[in-house]
Amino acid sequence: MNRPVSTGSGPSWRGGIDMFVRQARHAWRQRTPREQTLLRGAVLLIFLAVLWTVGLRPALQTVQRAHQQLPVLHAEAAQLSTVLLEAKALGRGRSGTLSVPATEAALTASLGDAGLDRVSVFSRAEGSAAEAGQWQVQFTRAPAGRVIEWVARLPLVAQVQIREADLARSVIDGRDRPGQLDGRIIVTMPVKVSP
């Protein structure tokens, strides 16, 4: 009579695990309640240490690195934006000056790009004709840094000149608000000199 051939050590490792479990239960029952409490605490402490080492610490380090890299990425994005504006300006320089409607559209878009569209009102300058190429930007509680950056980029956006600038700190409830500006800037297209 032939016996079935064993294909591995399946039953032997199960038997080893069962024997280990029985020994562990026996050892646990022999411990006093105080020792059992200390062992539970030790197991909990080991579990928390493994959780910290494997799960939480790497995640917190990743967040910290992201916070450190964020200002660098913002600066690089601003530089890229400046390069793109310069490229657009150079492209316009080759094709000539912008028309009055195109200049108006470029100025309006630049206010939106600078994040000033919600704190500014863009309109034609008082008393100027539609074809005159003069505009007024009225600011209310505008971030000073963004306004200055927008003014600095004006030559890259369109061929305009600042005719008048009347800006002051915003006053809210009788108190100056540092970092916020109220006032207006009037820009105009340069006057073409006939040869």
Protein backbone atom coordinates (compact mmCIF):
# COMPACT_ATOMS: atom_id res chain seq x y z
CA MET A 1 0.00 0.00 0.00
CA ASN A 2 1.39 3.35 -1.05
CA ARG A 3 1.32 6.32 1.32
CA PRO A 4 0.67 9.83 -0.07
CA VAL A 5 3.89 11.75 -0.49
CA SER A 6 4.24 14.89 1.66
CA THR A 7 4.59 18.01 -0.53
CA GLY A 8 6.09 20.29 2.06
CA SER A 9 6.35 21.19 5.65
CA GLY A 10 2.82 22.64 5.90
CA PRO A 11 1.56 20.70 8.93
CA SER A 12 4.88 20.99 10.77
CA TRP A 13 4.99 24.81 10.74
CA ARG A 14 1.34 24.96 11.81
CA GLY A 15 2.14 22.64 14.64
CA GLY A 16 5.05 24.89 15.62
CA ILE A 17 2.78 27.95 15.67
CA ASP A 18 0.16 26.11 17.74
CA MET A 19 2.83 25.03 20.21
CA PHE A 20 4.17 28.63 20.45
CA VAL A 21 0.65 29.98 21.09
CA ARG A 22 0.06 27.38 23.84
CA GLN A 23 3.37 28.25 25.50
CA ALA A 24 2.61 31.98 25.29
CA ARG A 25 -0.83 31.49 26.89
CA HIS A 26 0.69 29.36 29.63
CA ALA A 27 3.40 31.98 30.28
CA TRP A 28 0.76 34.76 30.29
CA ARG A 29 -1.39 32.95 32.89
CA GLN A 30 1.63 32.55 35.14
CA ARG A 31 2.20 36.31 35.24
CA THR A 32 0.76 38.42 38.04
CA PRO A 33 -1.84 41.08 37.15
CA ARG A 34 0.81 43.77 37.67
CA GLU A 35 3.24 42.05 35.25
CA GLN A 36 0.41 41.62 32.72
CA THR A 37 -0.35 45.36 32.96
CA LEU A 38 3.34 46.22 32.46
CA LEU A 39 3.59 43.87 29.47
CA ARG A 40 0.46 45.41 27.89
CA GLY A 41 2.01 48.87 28.39
CA ALA A 42 5.28 47.73 26.83
CA VAL A 43 3.44 46.28 23.82
CA LEU A 44 1.46 49.51 23.43
CA LEU A 45 4.66 51.55 23.68
CA ILE A 46 6.37 49.41 21.03
CA PHE A 47 3.30 49.72 18.78
CA LEU A 48 3.31 53.53 19.13
CA ALA A 49 7.06 53.69 18.43
CA VAL A 50 6.64 51.61 15.27
CA LEU A 51 3.65 53.73 14.20
CA TRP A 52 5.68 56.93 14.71
CA THR A 53 8.77 55.60 12.93
CA VAL A 54 6.98 54.04 9.97
CA GLY A 55 3.93 56.24 9.49
CA LEU A 56 3.89 59.63 11.14
CA ARG A 57 7.50 60.87 11.14
CA PRO A 58 8.05 60.44 7.38
CA ALA A 59 4.76 62.20 6.66
CA LEU A 60 5.64 65.13 8.93
CA GLN A 61 9.10 65.39 7.36
CA THR A 62 7.50 65.51 3.91
CA VAL A 63 5.17 68.32 5.01
CA GLN A 64 8.08 70.22 6.55
CA ARG A 65 10.15 69.91 3.34
CA ALA A 66 7.15 71.11 1.32
CA HIS A 67 6.80 74.19 3.56
CA GLN A 68 10.51 74.93 3.12
CA GLN A 69 10.33 74.57 -0.67
CA LEU A 70 7.13 76.61 -1.11
CA PRO A 71 8.77 80.09 -0.98
CA VAL A 72 11.40 78.94 -3.48
CA LEU A 73 8.68 77.69 -5.82
CA HIS A 74 6.77 80.97 -5.47
CA ALA A 75 9.92 82.93 -6.34
CA GLU A 76 10.58 80.72 -9.36
CA ALA A 77 6.97 81.15 -10.50
CA ALA A 78 7.31 84.94 -10.21
CA GLN A 79 10.53 84.86 -12.24
CA LEU A 80 8.86 82.72 -14.89
CA SER A 81 5.93 85.13 -15.02
CA THR A 82 8.35 88.04 -15.51
CA VAL A 83 10.15 86.21 -18.31
CA LEU A 84 6.83 85.48 -20.02
CA LEU A 85 5.78 89.14 -19.74
CA GLU A 86 9.13 90.24 -21.18
CA ALA A 87 8.72 87.79 -24.05
CA LYS A 88 5.26 89.18 -24.78
CA ALA A 89 6.62 92.73 -24.65
CA LEU A 90 9.46 91.86 -27.01
CA GLY A 91 6.96 90.26 -29.38
CA ARG A 92 4.87 93.42 -29.34
CA GLY A 93 8.00 95.53 -29.80
CA ARG A 94 8.71 93.78 -33.08
CA SER A 95 5.15 94.22 -34.28
CA GLY A 96 4.83 97.87 -33.27
CA THR A 97 2.80 99.62 -30.62
CA LEU A 98 -0.55 98.31 -29.49
CA SER A 99 -3.76 99.96 -30.53
CA VAL A 100 -5.85 101.78 -27.93
CA PRO A 101 -8.33 98.88 -27.52
CA ALA A 102 -5.49 96.32 -27.32
CA THR A 103 -3.66 98.44 -24.74
CA GLU A 104 -6.85 98.74 -22.70
CA ALA A 105 -7.35 94.97 -22.83
CA ALA A 106 -3.71 94.35 -21.83
CA LEU A 107 -3.99 96.72 -18.85
CA THR A 108 -7.23 95.09 -17.69
CA ALA A 109 -5.67 91.63 -17.99
CA SER A 110 -2.57 92.75 -16.11
CA LEU A 111 -4.71 93.90 -13.17
CA GLY A 112 -6.30 90.46 -13.07
CA ASP A 113 -2.91 88.72 -13.33
CA ALA A 114 -1.60 90.81 -10.42
CA GLY A 115 -4.64 89.91 -8.29
CA LEU A 116 -5.83 93.52 -8.22
CA ASP A 117 -9.05 93.13 -10.18
CA ARG A 118 -11.19 92.92 -7.01
CA VAL A 119 -9.66 95.97 -5.33
CA SER A 120 -9.50 98.25 -8.36
CA VAL A 121 -11.80 99.97 -10.83
CA PHE A 122 -10.39 100.40 -14.33
CA SER A 123 -11.95 103.15 -16.46
CA ARG A 124 -11.16 105.83 -19.00
CA ALA A 125 -9.57 108.91 -17.47
CA GLU A 126 -12.01 111.71 -16.77
CA GLY A 127 -12.42 113.99 -19.75
CA SER A 128 -10.53 111.79 -22.20
CA ALA A 129 -11.96 110.69 -25.51
CA ALA A 130 -12.24 107.02 -26.43
CA GLU A 131 -9.30 107.26 -28.81
CA ALA A 132 -7.11 109.33 -26.44
CA GLY A 133 -5.52 106.35 -24.74
CA GLN A 134 -5.78 107.54 -21.13
CA TRP A 135 -7.04 105.34 -18.32
CA GLN A 136 -7.59 105.62 -14.60
CA VAL A 137 -7.19 102.83 -12.06
CA GLN A 138 -8.89 103.53 -8.73
CA PHE A 139 -7.61 101.36 -5.86
CA THR A 140 -9.46 100.63 -2.62
CA ARG A 141 -7.68 98.71 0.16
CA ALA A 142 -5.26 97.24 -2.38
CA PRO A 143 -2.20 95.29 -1.19
CA ALA A 144 0.72 97.72 -1.51
CA GLY A 145 3.17 95.06 -2.69
CA ARG A 146 0.92 94.00 -5.53
CA VAL A 147 0.29 97.59 -6.63
CA ILE A 148 4.03 98.33 -6.70
CA GLU A 149 4.71 95.12 -8.60
CA TRP A 150 1.94 95.97 -11.10
CA VAL A 151 3.37 99.47 -11.66
CA ALA A 152 6.86 98.00 -12.13
CA ARG A 153 5.56 95.61 -14.79
CA LEU A 154 3.58 98.21 -16.75
CA PRO A 155 6.34 98.73 -19.35
CA LEU A 156 6.30 94.99 -20.02
CA VAL A 157 2.52 94.92 -20.41
CA ALA A 158 1.95 97.87 -22.71
CA GLN A 159 3.65 101.00 -23.94
CA VAL A 160 2.11 103.36 -21.41
CA GLN A 161 3.37 106.09 -19.14
CA ILE A 162 2.16 107.02 -15.68
CA ARG A 163 0.75 110.53 -15.94
CA GLU A 164 -0.38 110.80 -12.32
CA ALA A 165 -0.18 108.69 -9.18
CA ASP A 166 -2.03 109.64 -6.00
CA LEU A 167 -1.78 106.78 -3.49
CA ALA A 168 -1.96 106.75 0.30
CA ARG A 169 -2.38 104.22 3.08
CA SER A 170 -5.90 102.95 3.48
CA VAL A 171 -7.74 104.43 6.44
CA ILE A 172 -10.32 102.18 8.09
CA ASP A 173 -12.24 103.35 11.16
CA GLY A 174 -9.88 106.32 11.49
CA ARG A 175 -6.73 104.17 11.55
CA ASP A 176 -4.03 103.75 8.91
CA ARG A 177 -3.77 100.21 7.55
CA PRO A 178 -0.14 99.37 6.77
CA GLY A 179 0.28 97.40 3.58
CA GLN A 180 -2.96 98.64 2.02
CA LEU A 181 -3.36 101.51 -0.44
CA ASP A 182 -6.20 103.75 -1.60
CA GLY A 183 -5.97 106.19 -4.48
CA ARG A 184 -5.61 106.31 -8.22
CA ILE A 185 -3.10 106.01 -11.00
CA ILE A 186 -3.63 107.55 -14.42
CA VAL A 187 -1.78 105.96 -17.31
CA THR A 188 -1.55 107.23 -20.86
CA MET A 189 -0.14 106.04 -24.14
CA PRO A 190 2.94 107.99 -25.23
CA VAL A 191 2.35 110.83 -27.63
CA LYS A 192 3.67 110.02 -31.08
CA VAL A 193 5.96 112.66 -32.47
CA SER A 194 5.53 113.27 -36.17
CA PRO A 195 8.79 113.35 -38.20
